[in-house]
Protein backbone atom coordinates (compact mmCIF):
# COMPACT_ATOMS: atom_id res chain seq x y z
CA MET A 1 -14.28 6.07 2.25
CA THR A 2 -16.75 5.44 -0.30
CA LYS A 3 -17.72 9.01 -0.43
CA LYS A 4 -14.28 10.32 -0.80
CA PHE A 5 -13.54 8.19 -3.57
CA ASP A 6 -16.71 9.03 -5.71
CA GLU A 7 -15.62 12.80 -5.10
CA ILE A 8 -12.84 12.00 -6.58
CA ILE A 9 -14.08 10.31 -9.49
CA ALA A 10 -16.56 13.16 -10.14
CA LYS A 11 -14.41 15.72 -9.83
CA ASP A 12 -12.01 13.95 -12.62
CA SER A 13 -14.62 12.77 -14.81
CA GLN A 14 -14.85 16.36 -16.55
CA LYS A 15 -11.18 16.16 -17.54
CA THR A 16 -8.32 13.69 -18.59
CA SER A 17 -7.12 11.86 -15.37
CA ASN A 18 -3.81 13.16 -13.58
CA ILE A 19 -1.95 11.19 -10.71
CA ASN A 20 -1.17 14.49 -9.11
CA ASN A 21 -4.35 16.00 -9.10
CA ILE A 22 -5.47 12.93 -7.04
CA LEU A 23 -2.16 12.83 -4.48
CA GLU A 24 -3.22 16.37 -4.09
CA ILE A 25 -6.90 15.42 -2.87
CA LEU A 26 -5.87 12.59 -0.83
CA PHE A 27 -2.89 14.58 0.58
CA LYS A 28 -6.18 16.96 1.91
CA LYS A 29 -8.50 15.03 3.12
CA GLN A 30 -7.19 11.59 3.78
CA LYS A 31 -6.39 10.95 7.52
CA ARG A 32 -2.86 8.91 9.10
CA ASN A 33 -2.45 5.44 8.83
CA SER A 34 -4.36 4.53 5.80
CA ILE A 35 -3.32 1.94 3.04
CA ILE A 36 -3.76 3.58 -0.39
CA PHE A 37 -4.22 1.57 -3.51
CA ILE A 38 -3.07 3.87 -6.44
CA MET A 39 -3.86 2.51 -9.67
CA SER A 40 -2.60 4.37 -12.89
CA ASP A 41 -0.29 3.97 -16.50
CA TYR A 42 1.78 6.16 -14.55
CA LEU A 43 2.42 8.23 -17.87
CA ASP A 44 2.33 11.53 -15.82
CA GLU A 45 5.04 12.31 -13.81
CA ILE A 46 4.70 12.43 -10.30
CA ASN A 47 5.15 15.74 -8.06
CA ASP A 48 7.22 14.73 -5.19
CA LYS A 49 5.91 17.04 -2.72
CA TYR A 50 2.15 15.40 -1.99
CA PHE A 51 3.89 11.68 -2.75
CA LYS A 52 6.50 12.54 0.37
CA ALA A 53 3.91 14.05 2.56
CA LEU A 54 1.33 10.98 1.83
CA SER A 55 4.13 8.44 2.21
CA THR A 56 5.14 9.60 5.77
CA LYS A 57 1.68 9.30 7.05
CA ASN A 58 0.44 6.55 5.28
CA ASP A 59 1.24 3.27 3.14
CA ILE A 60 1.07 3.33 -0.93
CA ILE A 61 0.93 0.55 -2.93
CA PHE A 62 1.11 1.40 -6.69
CA ILE A 63 -0.53 -0.66 -9.30
CA ASN A 64 0.76 -0.30 -12.66
CA VAL A 65 -2.06 -0.77 -15.40
CA PHE A 66 -0.41 -1.63 -18.62
CA ASP A 67 -2.36 -1.52 -21.72
CA ASP A 68 -0.98 -3.39 -25.17
CA PHE A 69 -2.77 -0.86 -27.44
CA GLU A 70 -0.21 2.26 -25.95
CA ASN A 71 2.67 -0.04 -26.43
CA ASN A 72 2.01 -0.81 -30.32
CA LEU A 73 1.57 3.27 -30.95
CA ASN A 74 5.32 3.67 -31.24
């Protein structure tokens, strides 16, 4: 599992993060009956295609990361 996580981080370290990229990678590589934790600020819109496919075979737990700085930008 650590190897897969490292691959995802390495792939996305060159660009801005995108939750849909992570969901796509997990969909292609993750085995069934897993518990998947996703930590994000959820500022990107989530593509239903991979989310629905992953959620039928796995338990997905979303953790919302909140930053006061972002809230004060308005």
